[in-house]
Amino acid sequence: MVFKSKSAPMKLSDLPIHERIFEACRAHSTANKDAVIFLDAETTTKKKFYRDVEPTVNSLASALIKLGFKPGDVAAQAFPNCPEFLIAMLAVMKCGGAMSNASAIFTDCQFFNVRTVLKAEK
């Protein structure tokens, strides 16, 4: 059985998700150059600004490419909820790769299993 919505069709974006996120960051930083995307609740001195997201992602993406990361590769990360999580994910996506998340509390054996499933080389 097929269900058809009574709502008007939505136009989907042709842009990759990381480019859409960059557009949103650019819009926020244009509206307010000091717009904060992250404020550390413990120290309140550690801040990340919307204006810094894209340059940081570009820098990490360049480094990944220099290390041999290529489109279709899969990276694993084990960050807690922090801005670096988003930066790493966007950098991998910008390189044409995919991100697999791991828990920061995984044991060595669990990390090995993730590497095995992903067929990781390094």
PDB file of N, CA and C in Angstrom:
ATOM      1  N   MET A   1       0.838  -1.171   0.000  1.00  0.00           N
ATOM      2  CA  MET A   1       0.000   0.000   0.000  1.00  0.00           C
ATOM      3  C   MET A   1       0.889   1.243   0.000  1.00  0.00           C
ATOM      4  N   VAL A   2       0.527   2.223  -0.779  1.00  0.00           N
ATOM      5  CA  VAL A   2       1.279   3.461  -0.877  1.00  0.00           C
ATOM      6  C   VAL A   2       0.448   4.585  -0.283  1.00  0.00           C
ATOM      7  N   PHE A   3       1.081   5.373   0.578  1.00  0.00           N
ATOM      8  CA  PHE A   3       0.410   6.531   1.162  1.00  0.00           C
ATOM      9  C   PHE A   3       0.962   7.785   0.499  1.00  0.00           C
ATOM     10  N   LYS A   4       0.074   8.660   0.095  1.00  0.00           N
ATOM     11  CA  LYS A   4       0.487   9.900  -0.529  1.00  0.00           C
ATOM     12  C   LYS A   4       0.068  11.055   0.368  1.00  0.00           C
ATOM     13  N   SER A   5       1.006  11.947   0.638  1.00  0.00           N
ATOM     14  CA  SER A   5       0.740  13.092   1.494  1.00  0.00           C
ATOM     15  C   SER A   5      -0.201  14.063   0.804  1.00  0.00           C
ATOM     16  N   LYS A   6      -1.046  14.699   1.606  1.00  0.00           N
ATOM     17  CA  LYS A   6      -1.940  15.722   1.072  1.00  0.00           C
ATOM     18  C   LYS A   6      -1.231  17.072   1.015  1.00  0.00           C
ATOM     19  N   SER A   7      -0.046  17.153   1.607  1.00  0.00           N
ATOM     20  CA  SER A   7       0.740  18.390   1.595  1.00  0.00           C
ATOM     21  C   SER A   7       1.390  18.596   0.234  1.00  0.00           C
ATOM     22  N   ALA A   8       1.729  19.838  -0.029  1.00  0.00           N
ATOM     23  CA  ALA A   8       2.414  20.154  -1.286  1.00  0.00           C
ATOM     24  C   ALA A   8       3.793  19.492  -1.302  1.00  0.00           C
ATOM     25  N   PRO A   9       4.261  19.085  -2.467  1.00  0.00           N
ATOM     26  CA  PRO A   9       5.598  18.475  -2.550  1.00  0.00           C
ATOM     27  C   PRO A   9       6.675  19.453  -2.089  1.00  0.00           C
ATOM     28  N   MET A  10       7.698  18.921  -1.451  1.00  0.00           N
ATOM     29  CA  MET A  10       8.824  19.744  -0.988  1.00  0.00           C
ATOM     30  C   MET A  10       9.938  19.685  -2.007  1.00  0.00           C
ATOM     31  N   LYS A  11      10.581  20.812  -2.238  1.00  0.00           N
ATOM     32  CA  LYS A  11      11.750  20.831  -3.101  1.00  0.00           C
ATOM     33  C   LYS A  11      12.961  20.481  -2.238  1.00  0.00           C
ATOM     34  N   LEU A  12      13.660  19.461  -2.628  1.00  0.00           N
ATOM     35  CA  LEU A  12      14.850  19.049  -1.903  1.00  0.00           C
ATOM     36  C   LEU A  12      16.075  19.759  -2.467  1.00  0.00           C
ATOM     37  N   SER A  13      17.016  20.002  -1.615  1.00  0.00           N
ATOM     38  CA  SER A  13      18.244  20.676  -2.036  1.00  0.00           C
ATOM     39  C   SER A  13      19.136  19.725  -2.823  1.00  0.00           C
ATOM     40  N   ASP A  14      19.843  20.290  -3.796  1.00  0.00           N
ATOM     41  CA  ASP A  14      20.823  19.514  -4.550  1.00  0.00           C
ATOM     42  C   ASP A  14      22.193  19.565  -3.891  1.00  0.00           C
ATOM     43  N   LEU A  15      22.327  20.403  -2.861  1.00  0.00           N
ATOM     44  CA  LEU A  15      23.618  20.558  -2.189  1.00  0.00           C
ATOM     45  C   LEU A  15      23.864  19.427  -1.203  1.00  0.00           C
ATOM     46  N   PRO A  16      25.107  18.989  -1.086  1.00  0.00           N
ATOM     47  CA  PRO A  16      25.441  18.014  -0.038  1.00  0.00           C
ATOM     48  C   PRO A  16      25.188  18.636   1.335  1.00  0.00           C
ATOM     49  N   ILE A  17      24.928  17.809   2.321  1.00  0.00           N
ATOM     50  CA  ILE A  17      24.578  18.295   3.654  1.00  0.00           C
ATOM     51  C   ILE A  17      25.668  19.185   4.247  1.00  0.00           C
ATOM     52  N   HIS A  18      26.941  18.857   4.014  1.00  0.00           N
ATOM     53  CA  HIS A  18      27.993  19.696   4.600  1.00  0.00           C
ATOM     54  C   HIS A  18      27.975  21.099   4.004  1.00  0.00           C
ATOM     55  N   GLU A  19      27.626  21.228   2.724  1.00  0.00           N
ATOM     56  CA  GLU A  19      27.531  22.553   2.117  1.00  0.00           C
ATOM     57  C   GLU A  19      26.344  23.332   2.675  1.00  0.00           C
ATOM     58  N   ARG A  20      25.263  22.636   2.974  1.00  0.00           N
ATOM     59  CA  ARG A  20      24.112  23.299   3.577  1.00  0.00           C
ATOM     60  C   ARG A  20      24.449  23.800   4.977  1.00  0.00           C
ATOM     61  N   ILE A  21      25.239  23.030   5.716  1.00  0.00           N
ATOM     62  CA  ILE A  21      25.661  23.463   7.048  1.00  0.00           C
ATOM     63  C   ILE A  21      26.577  24.678   6.941  1.00  0.00           C
ATOM     64  N   PHE A  22      27.494  24.665   5.951  1.00  0.00           N
ATOM     65  CA  PHE A  22      28.365  25.831   5.740  1.00  0.00           C
ATOM     66  C   PHE A  22      27.527  27.076   5.426  1.00  0.00           C
ATOM     67  N   GLU A  23      26.502  26.912   4.593  1.00  0.00           N
ATOM     68  CA  GLU A  23      25.630  28.050   4.261  1.00  0.00           C
ATOM     69  C   GLU A  23      24.988  28.625   5.523  1.00  0.00           C
ATOM     70  N   ALA A  24      24.509  27.746   6.403  1.00  0.00           N
ATOM     71  CA  ALA A  24      23.882  28.210   7.644  1.00  0.00           C
ATOM     72  C   ALA A  24      24.894  28.930   8.531  1.00  0.00           C
ATOM     73  N   CYS A  25      26.108  28.400   8.612  1.00  0.00           N
ATOM     74  CA  CYS A  25      27.152  29.044   9.413  1.00  0.00           C
ATOM     75  C   CYS A  25      27.511  30.411   8.840  1.00  0.00           C
ATOM     76  N   ARG A  26      27.604  30.489   7.502  1.00  0.00           N
ATOM     77  CA  ARG A  26      27.896  31.777   6.867  1.00  0.00           C
ATOM     78  C   ARG A  26      26.797  32.789   7.163  1.00  0.00           C
ATOM     79  N   ALA A  27      25.550  32.351   7.099  1.00  0.00           N
ATOM     80  CA  ALA A  27      24.422  33.251   7.362  1.00  0.00           C
ATOM     81  C   ALA A  27      24.470  33.763   8.803  1.00  0.00           C
ATOM     82  N   HIS A  28      24.738  32.867   9.754  1.00  0.00           N
ATOM     83  CA  HIS A  28      24.817  33.288  11.158  1.00  0.00           C
ATOM     84  C   HIS A  28      25.968  34.252  11.379  1.00  0.00           C
ATOM     85  N   SER A  29      27.118  33.968  10.787  1.00  0.00           N
ATOM     86  CA  SER A  29      28.275  34.830  11.022  1.00  0.00           C
ATOM     87  C   SER A  29      28.152  36.163  10.291  1.00  0.00           C
ATOM     88  N   THR A  30      27.405  36.190   9.189  1.00  0.00           N
ATOM     89  CA  THR A  30      27.165  37.456   8.493  1.00  0.00           C
ATOM     90  C   THR A  30      26.236  38.334   9.321  1.00  0.00           C
ATOM     91  N   ALA A  31      25.213  37.721   9.905  1.00  0.00           N
ATOM     92  CA  ALA A  31      24.254  38.467  10.719  1.00  0.00           C
ATOM     93  C   ALA A  31      24.897  38.991  11.998  1.00  0.00           C
ATOM     94  N   ASN A  32      25.832  38.210  12.552  1.00  0.00           N
ATOM     95  CA  ASN A  32      26.496  38.598  13.798  1.00  0.00           C
ATOM     96  C   ASN A  32      27.875  37.944  13.808  1.00  0.00           C
ATOM     97  N   LYS A  33      28.920  38.729  13.573  1.00  0.00           N
ATOM     98  CA  LYS A  33      30.266  38.156  13.445  1.00  0.00           C
ATOM     99  C   LYS A  33      30.737  37.459  14.715  1.00  0.00           C
ATOM    100  N   ASP A  34      30.100  37.758  15.852  1.00  0.00           N
ATOM    101  CA  ASP A  34      30.478  37.115  17.111  1.00  0.00           C
ATOM    102  C   ASP A  34      29.494  36.033  17.542  1.00  0.00           C
ATOM    103  N   ALA A  35      28.696  35.521  16.589  1.00  0.00           N
ATOM    104  CA  ALA A  35      27.730  34.469  16.926  1.00  0.00           C
ATOM    105  C   ALA A  35      28.486  33.217  17.379  1.00  0.00           C
ATOM    106  N   VAL A  36      28.101  32.705  18.535  1.00  0.00           N
ATOM    107  CA  VAL A  36      28.774  31.555  19.143  1.00  0.00           C
ATOM    108  C   VAL A  36      28.012  30.283  18.803  1.00  0.00           C
ATOM    109  N   ILE A  37      28.738  29.277  18.288  1.00  0.00           N
ATOM    110  CA  ILE A  37      28.134  27.987  17.998  1.00  0.00           C
ATOM    111  C   ILE A  37      28.319  27.041  19.180  1.00  0.00           C
ATOM    112  N   PHE A  38      29.340  27.278  19.995  1.00  0.00           N
ATOM    113  CA  PHE A  38      29.624  26.416  21.146  1.00  0.00           C
ATOM    114  C   PHE A  38      30.233  27.241  22.266  1.00  0.00           C
ATOM    115  N   LEU A  39      29.756  26.996  23.466  1.00  0.00           N
ATOM    116  CA  LEU A  39      30.304  27.623  24.668  1.00  0.00           C
ATOM    117  C   LEU A  39      30.482  26.522  25.688  1.00  0.00           C
ATOM    118  N   ASP A  40      31.706  26.315  26.142  1.00  0.00           N
ATOM    119  CA  ASP A  40      32.000  25.272  27.114  1.00  0.00           C
ATOM    120  C   ASP A  40      31.304  25.595  28.436  1.00  0.00           C
ATOM    121  N   ALA A  41      30.458  24.695  28.889  1.00  0.00           N
ATOM    122  CA  ALA A  41      29.684  24.929  30.104  1.00  0.00           C
ATOM    123  C   ALA A  41      30.553  24.923  31.361  1.00  0.00           C
ATOM    124  N   GLU A  42      31.702  24.244  31.301  1.00  0.00           N
ATOM    125  CA  GLU A  42      32.551  24.154  32.486  1.00  0.00           C
ATOM    126  C   GLU A  42      33.433  25.385  32.663  1.00  0.00           C
ATOM    127  N   THR A  43      34.029  25.861  31.581  1.00  0.00           N
ATOM    128  CA  THR A  43      34.969  26.973  31.719  1.00  0.00           C
ATOM    129  C   THR A  43      34.378  28.307  31.287  1.00  0.00           C
ATOM    130  N   THR A  44      33.396  28.276  30.431  1.00  0.00           N
ATOM    131  CA  THR A  44      32.760  29.444  29.799  1.00  0.00           C
ATOM    132  C   THR A  44      33.751  30.347  29.066  1.00  0.00           C
ATOM    133  N   THR A  45      35.007  29.949  28.997  1.00  0.00           N
ATOM    134  CA  THR A  45      35.991  30.728  28.241  1.00  0.00           C
ATOM    135  C   THR A  45      36.287  30.091  26.893  1.00  0.00           C
ATOM    136  N   LYS A  46      36.004  28.813  26.768  1.00  0.00           N
ATOM    137  CA  LYS A  46      36.233  28.113  25.501  1.00  0.00           C
ATOM    138  C   LYS A  46      35.016  28.341  24.609  1.00  0.00           C
ATOM    139  N   LYS A  47      35.239  29.021  23.483  1.00  0.00           N
ATOM    140  CA  LYS A  47      34.156  29.331  22.555  1.00  0.00           C
ATOM    141  C   LYS A  47      34.554  28.948  21.138  1.00  0.00           C
ATOM    142  N   LYS A  48      33.582  28.578  20.369  1.00  0.00           N
ATOM    143  CA  LYS A  48      33.750  28.379  18.927  1.00  0.00           C
ATOM    144  C   LYS A  48      32.723  29.266  18.245  1.00  0.00           C
ATOM    145  N   PHE A  49      33.166  29.954  17.211  1.00  0.00           N
ATOM    146  CA  PHE A  49      32.296  30.870  16.499  1.00  0.00           C
ATOM    147  C   PHE A  49      31.884  30.279  15.158  1.00  0.00           C
ATOM    148  N   TYR A  50      30.688  30.650  14.691  1.00  0.00           N
ATOM    149  CA  TYR A  50      30.215  30.189  13.385  1.00  0.00           C
ATOM    150  C   TYR A  50      31.229  30.530  12.300  1.00  0.00           C
ATOM    151  N   ARG A  51      31.843  31.695  12.390  1.00  0.00           N
ATOM    152  CA  ARG A  51      32.785  32.147  11.352  1.00  0.00           C
ATOM    153  C   ARG A  51      34.015  31.246  11.255  1.00  0.00           C
ATOM    154  N   ASP A  52      34.294  30.471  12.302  1.00  0.00           N
ATOM    155  CA  ASP A  52      35.485  29.612  12.328  1.00  0.00           C
ATOM    156  C   ASP A  52      35.227  28.195  11.829  1.00  0.00           C
ATOM    157  N   VAL A  53      33.969  27.822  11.656  1.00  0.00           N
ATOM    158  CA  VAL A  53      33.651  26.436  11.297  1.00  0.00           C
ATOM    159  C   VAL A  53      34.245  26.054   9.943  1.00  0.00           C
ATOM    160  N   GLU A  54      33.909  26.792   8.906  1.00  0.00           N
ATOM    161  CA  GLU A  54      34.347  26.409   7.555  1.00  0.00           C
ATOM    162  C   GLU A  54      35.867  26.424   7.389  1.00  0.00           C
ATOM    163  N   PRO A  55      36.582  27.462   7.850  1.00  0.00           N
ATOM    164  CA  PRO A  55      38.044  27.420   7.715  1.00  0.00           C
ATOM    165  C   PRO A  55      38.677  26.245   8.470  1.00  0.00           C
ATOM    166  N   THR A  56      38.125  25.917   9.634  1.00  0.00           N
ATOM    167  CA  THR A  56      38.661  24.793  10.404  1.00  0.00           C
ATOM    168  C   THR A  56      38.401  23.479   9.690  1.00  0.00           C
ATOM    169  N   VAL A  57      37.204  23.328   9.129  1.00  0.00           N
ATOM    170  CA  VAL A  57      36.864  22.122   8.362  1.00  0.00           C
ATOM    171  C   VAL A  57      37.780  22.008   7.145  1.00  0.00           C
ATOM    172  N   ASN A  58      37.980  23.114   6.434  1.00  0.00           N
ATOM    173  CA  ASN A  58      38.839  23.092   5.241  1.00  0.00           C
ATOM    174  C   ASN A  58      40.257  22.679   5.596  1.00  0.00           C
ATOM    175  N   SER A  59      40.762  23.170   6.717  1.00  0.00           N
ATOM    176  CA  SER A  59      42.113  22.830   7.156  1.00  0.00           C
ATOM    177  C   SER A  59      42.228  21.338   7.465  1.00  0.00           C
ATOM    178  N   LEU A  60      41.252  20.807   8.195  1.00  0.00           N
ATOM    179  CA  LEU A  60      41.286  19.376   8.521  1.00  0.00           C
ATOM    180  C   LEU A  60      41.092  18.526   7.271  1.00  0.00           C
ATOM    181  N   ALA A  61      40.206  18.941   6.376  1.00  0.00           N
ATOM    182  CA  ALA A  61      39.992  18.186   5.138  1.00  0.00           C
ATOM    183  C   ALA A  61      41.279  18.126   4.315  1.00  0.00           C
ATOM    184  N   SER A  62      41.991  19.241   4.238  1.00  0.00           N
ATOM    185  CA  SER A  62      43.275  19.261   3.515  1.00  0.00           C
ATOM    186  C   SER A  62      44.273  18.307   4.145  1.00  0.00           C
ATOM    187  N   ALA A  63      44.315  18.301   5.470  1.00  0.00           N
ATOM    188  CA  ALA A  63      45.232  17.393   6.175  1.00  0.00           C
ATOM    189  C   ALA A  63      44.858  15.936   5.918  1.00  0.00           C
ATOM    190  N   LEU A  64      43.576  15.631   5.931  1.00  0.00           N
ATOM    191  CA  LEU A  64      43.137  14.252   5.660  1.00  0.00           C
ATOM    192  C   LEU A  64      43.537  13.813   4.258  1.00  0.00           C
ATOM    193  N   ILE A  65      43.365  14.693   3.290  1.00  0.00           N
ATOM    194  CA  ILE A  65      43.743  14.369   1.906  1.00  0.00           C
ATOM    195  C   ILE A  65      45.250  14.129   1.810  1.00  0.00           C
ATOM    196  N   LYS A  66      46.040  14.957   2.489  1.00  0.00           N
ATOM    197  CA  LYS A  66      47.503  14.767   2.479  1.00  0.00           C
ATOM    198  C   LYS A  66      47.896  13.431   3.111  1.00  0.00           C
ATOM    199  N   LEU A  67      47.068  12.955   4.057  1.00  0.00           N
ATOM    200  CA  LEU A  67      47.334  11.668   4.696  1.00  0.00           C
ATOM    201  C   LEU A  67      46.840  10.491   3.853  1.00  0.00           C
ATOM    202  N   GLY A  68      46.185  10.790   2.722  1.00  0.00           N
ATOM    203  CA  GLY A  68      45.745   9.728   1.827  1.00  0.00           C
ATOM    204  C   GLY A  68      44.264   9.417   1.886  1.00  0.00           C
ATOM    205  N   PHE A  69      43.494  10.187   2.653  1.00  0.00           N
ATOM    206  CA  PHE A  69      42.046   9.972   2.703  1.00  0.00           C
ATOM    207  C   PHE A  69      41.458  10.360   1.356  1.00  0.00           C
ATOM    208  N   LYS A  70      40.564   9.519   0.834  1.00  0.00           N
ATOM    209  CA  LYS A  70      40.004   9.777  -0.498  1.00  0.00           C
ATOM    210  C   LYS A  70      38.501   9.500  -0.513  1.00  0.00           C
ATOM    211  N   PRO A  71      37.808   9.983  -1.557  1.00  0.00           N
ATOM    212  CA  PRO A  71      36.368   9.739  -1.641  1.00  0.00           C
ATOM    213  C   PRO A  71      36.055   8.253  -1.509  1.00  0.00           C
ATOM    214  N   GLY A  72      35.018   7.965  -0.737  1.00  0.00           N
ATOM    215  CA  GLY A  72      34.605   6.581  -0.519  1.00  0.00           C
ATOM    216  C   GLY A  72      35.220   5.960   0.722  1.00  0.00           C
ATOM    217  N   ASP A  73      36.256   6.591   1.283  1.00  0.00           N
ATOM    218  CA  ASP A  73      36.856   6.074   2.515  1.00  0.00           C
ATOM    219  C   ASP A  73      35.910   6.309   3.688  1.00  0.00           C
ATOM    220  N   VAL A  74      36.092   5.508   4.731  1.00  0.00           N
ATOM    221  CA  VAL A  74      35.290   5.640   5.949  1.00  0.00           C
ATOM    222  C   VAL A  74      36.229   5.943   7.104  1.00  0.00           C
ATOM    223  N   ALA A  75      35.888   6.957   7.876  1.00  0.00           N
ATOM    224  CA  ALA A  75      36.671   7.313   9.060  1.00  0.00           C
ATOM    225  C   ALA A  75      35.841   6.995  10.297  1.00  0.00           C
ATOM    226  N   ALA A  76      36.514   6.655  11.373  1.00  0.00           N
ATOM    227  CA  ALA A  76      35.837   6.426  12.655  1.00  0.00           C
ATOM    228  C   ALA A  76      36.310   7.492  13.628  1.00  0.00           C
ATOM    229  N   GLN A  77      35.405   7.955  14.449  1.00  0.00           N
ATOM    230  CA  GLN A  77      35.768   8.943  15.461  1.00  0.00           C
ATOM    231  C   GLN A  77      35.156   8.549  16.795  1.00  0.00           C
ATOM    232  N   ALA A  78      35.826   8.947  17.852  1.00  0.00           N
ATOM    233  CA  ALA A  78      35.356   8.626  19.200  1.00  0.00           C
ATOM    234  C   ALA A  78      35.373   9.878  20.068  1.00  0.00           C
ATOM    235  N   PHE A  79      34.758  10.927  19.575  1.00  0.00           N
ATOM    236  CA  PHE A  79      34.667  12.175  20.325  1.00  0.00           C
ATOM    237  C   PHE A  79      33.424  12.174  21.207  1.00  0.00           C
ATOM    238  N   PRO A  80      33.484  12.846  22.344  1.00  0.00           N
ATOM    239  CA  PRO A  80      32.245  13.109  23.083  1.00  0.00           C
ATOM    240  C   PRO A  80      31.487  14.227  22.353  1.00  0.00           C
ATOM    241  N   ASN A  81      30.400  14.685  22.912  1.00  0.00           N
ATOM    242  CA  ASN A  81      29.668  15.796  22.301  1.00  0.00           C
ATOM    243  C   ASN A  81      30.493  17.065  22.463  1.00  0.00           C
ATOM    244  N   CYS A  82      31.137  17.467  21.376  1.00  0.00           N
ATOM    245  CA  CYS A  82      32.012  18.631  21.400  1.00  0.00           C
ATOM    246  C   CYS A  82      32.087  19.189  19.983  1.00  0.00           C
ATOM    247  N   PRO A  83      32.571  20.419  19.829  1.00  0.00           N
ATOM    248  CA  PRO A  83      32.632  20.995  18.486  1.00  0.00           C
ATOM    249  C   PRO A  83      33.541  20.216  17.538  1.00  0.00           C
ATOM    250  N   GLU A  84      34.574  19.593  18.073  1.00  0.00           N
ATOM    251  CA  GLU A  84      35.492  18.822  17.231  1.00  0.00           C
ATOM    252  C   GLU A  84      34.785  17.654  16.536  1.00  0.00           C
ATOM    253  N   PHE A  85      33.746  17.131  17.174  1.00  0.00           N
ATOM    254  CA  PHE A  85      32.934  16.068  16.564  1.00  0.00           C
ATOM    255  C   PHE A  85      32.355  16.560  15.241  1.00  0.00           C
ATOM    256  N   LEU A  86      31.714  17.726  15.266  1.00  0.00           N
ATOM    257  CA  LEU A  86      31.123  18.310  14.057  1.00  0.00           C
ATOM    258  C   LEU A  86      32.196  18.649  13.022  1.00  0.00           C
ATOM    259  N   ILE A  87      33.298  19.244  13.462  1.00  0.00           N
ATOM    260  CA  ILE A  87      34.383  19.634  12.554  1.00  0.00           C
ATOM    261  C   ILE A  87      34.923  18.401  11.816  1.00  0.00           C
ATOM    262  N   ALA A  88      35.195  17.331  12.566  1.00  0.00           N
ATOM    263  CA  ALA A  88      35.735  16.112  11.952  1.00  0.00           C
ATOM    264  C   ALA A  88      34.740  15.497  10.978  1.00  0.00           C
ATOM    265  N   MET A  89      33.469  15.447  11.367  1.00  0.00           N
ATOM    266  CA  MET A  89      32.454  14.864  10.498  1.00  0.00           C
ATOM    267  C   MET A  89      32.325  15.654   9.196  1.00  0.00           C
ATOM    268  N   LEU A  90      32.295  16.977   9.299  1.00  0.00           N
ATOM    269  CA  LEU A  90      32.172  17.812   8.106  1.00  0.00           C
ATOM    270  C   LEU A  90      33.412  17.692   7.216  1.00  0.00           C
ATOM    271  N   ALA A  91      34.595  17.587   7.816  1.00  0.00           N
ATOM    272  CA  ALA A  91      35.827  17.448   7.032  1.00  0.00           C
ATOM    273  C   ALA A  91      35.829  16.139   6.244  1.00  0.00           C
ATOM    274  N   VAL A  92      35.410  15.072   6.887  1.00  0.00           N
ATOM    275  CA  VAL A  92      35.339  13.773   6.207  1.00  0.00           C
ATOM    276  C   VAL A  92      34.323  13.830   5.062  1.00  0.00           C
ATOM    277  N   MET A  93      33.176  14.457   5.322  1.00  0.00           N
ATOM    278  CA  MET A  93      32.156  14.580   4.278  1.00  0.00           C
ATOM    279  C   MET A  93      32.663  15.444   3.126  1.00  0.00           C
ATOM    280  N   LYS A  94      33.390  16.503   3.441  1.00  0.00           N
ATOM    281  CA  LYS A  94      33.942  17.381   2.398  1.00  0.00           C
ATOM    282  C   LYS A  94      34.920  16.614   1.506  1.00  0.00           C
ATOM    283  N   CYS A  95      35.602  15.643   2.070  1.00  0.00           N
ATOM    284  CA  CYS A  95      36.543  14.815   1.303  1.00  0.00           C
ATOM    285  C   CYS A  95      35.829  13.722   0.506  1.00  0.00           C
ATOM    286  N   GLY A  96      34.521  13.594   0.691  1.00  0.00           N
ATOM    287  CA  GLY A  96      33.775  12.567  -0.022  1.00  0.00           C
ATOM    288  C   GLY A  96      33.701  11.251   0.717  1.00  0.00           C
ATOM    289  N   GLY A  97      34.065  11.277   1.983  1.00  0.00           N
ATOM    290  CA  GLY A  97      34.050  10.063   2.790  1.00  0.00           C
ATOM    291  C   GLY A  97      32.816   9.967   3.664  1.00  0.00           C
ATOM    292  N   ALA A  98      32.798   8.935   4.466  1.00  0.00           N
ATOM    293  CA  ALA A  98      31.701   8.713   5.407  1.00  0.00           C
ATOM    294  C   ALA A  98      32.284   8.577   6.804  1.00  0.00           C
ATOM    295  N   MET A  99      31.463   8.893   7.791  1.00  0.00           N
ATOM    296  CA  MET A  99      31.916   8.854   9.179  1.00  0.00           C
ATOM    297  C   MET A  99      31.189   7.739   9.922  1.00  0.00           C
ATOM    298  N   SER A 100      31.942   6.952  10.657  1.00  0.00           N
ATOM    299  CA  SER A 100      31.371   5.960  11.552  1.00  0.00           C
ATOM    300  C   SER A 100      31.737   6.391  12.964  1.00  0.00           C
ATOM    301  N   ASN A 101      30.769   6.446  13.820  1.00  0.00           N
ATOM    302  CA  ASN A 101      31.023   6.906  15.181  1.00  0.00           C
ATOM    303  C   ASN A 101      31.292   5.726  16.111  1.00  0.00           C
ATOM    304  N   ALA A 102      32.192   5.962  17.020  1.00  0.00           N
ATOM    305  CA  ALA A 102      32.506   4.986  18.056  1.00  0.00           C
ATOM    306  C   ALA A 102      32.347   5.686  19.391  1.00  0.00           C
ATOM    307  N   SER A 103      32.183   4.923  20.420  1.00  0.00           N
ATOM    308  CA  SER A 103      32.022   5.509  21.747  1.00  0.00           C
ATOM    309  C   SER A 103      33.376   5.827  22.350  1.00  0.00           C
ATOM    310  N   ALA A 104      33.449   6.940  23.042  1.00  0.00           N
ATOM    311  CA  ALA A 104      34.695   7.323  23.710  1.00  0.00           C
ATOM    312  C   ALA A 104      35.034   6.371  24.843  1.00  0.00           C
ATOM    313  N   ILE A 105      34.097   5.524  25.241  1.00  0.00           N
ATOM    314  CA  ILE A 105      34.373   4.580  26.337  1.00  0.00           C
ATOM    315  C   ILE A 105      34.546   3.141  25.835  1.00  0.00           C
ATOM    316  N   PHE A 106      34.730   2.966  24.522  1.00  0.00           N
ATOM    317  CA  PHE A 106      34.999   1.638  23.978  1.00  0.00           C
ATOM    318  C   PHE A 106      36.299   1.087  24.548  1.00  0.00           C
ATOM    319  N   THR A 107      36.325  -0.208  24.698  1.00  0.00           N
ATOM    320  CA  THR A 107      37.561  -0.884  25.085  1.00  0.00           C
ATOM    321  C   THR A 107      38.425  -1.053  23.829  1.00  0.00           C
ATOM    322  N   ASP A 108      39.678  -1.444  24.018  1.00  0.00           N
ATOM    323  CA  ASP A 108      40.554  -1.700  22.866  1.00  0.00           C
ATOM    324  C   ASP A 108      39.957  -2.753  21.946  1.00  0.00           C
ATOM    325  N   CYS A 109      39.357  -3.772  22.528  1.00  0.00           N
ATOM    326  CA  CYS A 109      38.748  -4.846  21.738  1.00  0.00           C
ATOM    327  C   CYS A 109      37.592  -4.314  20.897  1.00  0.00           C
ATOM    328  N   GLN A 110      36.782  -3.446  21.473  1.00  0.00           N
ATOM    329  CA  GLN A 110      35.662  -2.882  20.730  1.00  0.00           C
ATOM    330  C   GLN A 110      36.153  -1.990  19.588  1.00  0.00           C
ATOM    331  N   PHE A 111      37.214  -1.217  19.833  1.00  0.00           N
ATOM    332  CA  PHE A 111      37.784  -0.406  18.755  1.00  0.00           C
ATOM    333  C   PHE A 111      38.330  -1.302  17.643  1.00  0.00           C
ATOM    334  N   PHE A 112      38.973  -2.388  18.021  1.00  0.00           N
ATOM    335  CA  PHE A 112      39.485  -3.321  17.027  1.00  0.00           C
ATOM    336  C   PHE A 112      38.343  -3.867  16.178  1.00  0.00           C
ATOM    337  N   ASN A 113      37.206  -4.187  16.814  1.00  0.00           N
ATOM    338  CA  ASN A 113      36.048  -4.700  16.078  1.00  0.00           C
ATOM    339  C   ASN A 113      35.516  -3.659  15.095  1.00  0.00           C
ATOM    340  N   VAL A 114      35.478  -2.397  15.513  1.00  0.00           N
ATOM    341  CA  VAL A 114      35.039  -1.330  14.612  1.00  0.00           C
ATOM    342  C   VAL A 114      35.988  -1.243  13.428  1.00  0.00           C
ATOM    343  N   ARG A 115      37.283  -1.273  13.682  1.00  0.00           N
ATOM    344  CA  ARG A 115      38.268  -1.214  12.596  1.00  0.00           C
ATOM    345  C   ARG A 115      38.104  -2.398  11.651  1.00  0.00           C
ATOM    346  N   THR A 116      37.813  -3.561  12.194  1.00  0.00           N
ATOM    347  CA  THR A 116      37.657  -4.751  11.375  1.00  0.00           C
ATOM    348  C   THR A 116      36.424  -4.628  10.475  1.00  0.00           C
ATOM    349  N   VAL A 117      35.318  -4.189  11.041  1.00  0.00           N
ATOM    350  CA  VAL A 117      34.086  -4.035  10.274  1.00  0.00           C
ATOM    351  C   VAL A 117      34.273  -2.992   9.180  1.00  0.00           C
ATOM    352  N   LEU A 118      34.979  -1.903   9.493  1.00  0.00           N
ATOM    353  CA  LEU A 118      35.202  -0.843   8.512  1.00  0.00           C
ATOM    354  C   LEU A 118      36.324  -1.159   7.538  1.00  0.00           C
ATOM    355  N   LYS A 119      37.036  -2.265   7.797  1.00  0.00           N
ATOM    356  CA  LYS A 119      38.192  -2.650   6.984  1.00  0.00           C
ATOM    357  C   LYS A 119      39.235  -1.519   6.973  1.00  0.00           C
ATOM    358  N   ALA A 120      39.449  -0.956   8.161  1.00  0.00           N
ATOM    359  CA  ALA A 120      40.373   0.170   8.295  1.00  0.00           C
ATOM    360  C   ALA A 120      41.796  -0.282   8.077  1.00  0.00           C
ATOM    361  N   GLU A 121      42.565   0.580   7.408  1.00  0.00           N
ATOM    362  CA  GLU A 121      43.948   0.281   7.129  1.00  0.00           C
ATOM    363  C   GLU A 121      44.877   0.824   8.206  1.00  0.00           C
ATOM    364  N   LYS A 122      44.476   1.931   8.854  1.00  0.00           N
ATOM    365  CA  LYS A 122      45.341   2.563   9.848  1.00  0.00           C
ATOM    366  C   LYS A 122      44.625   2.706  11.152  1.00  0.00           C
TER     367      LYS A 122
END
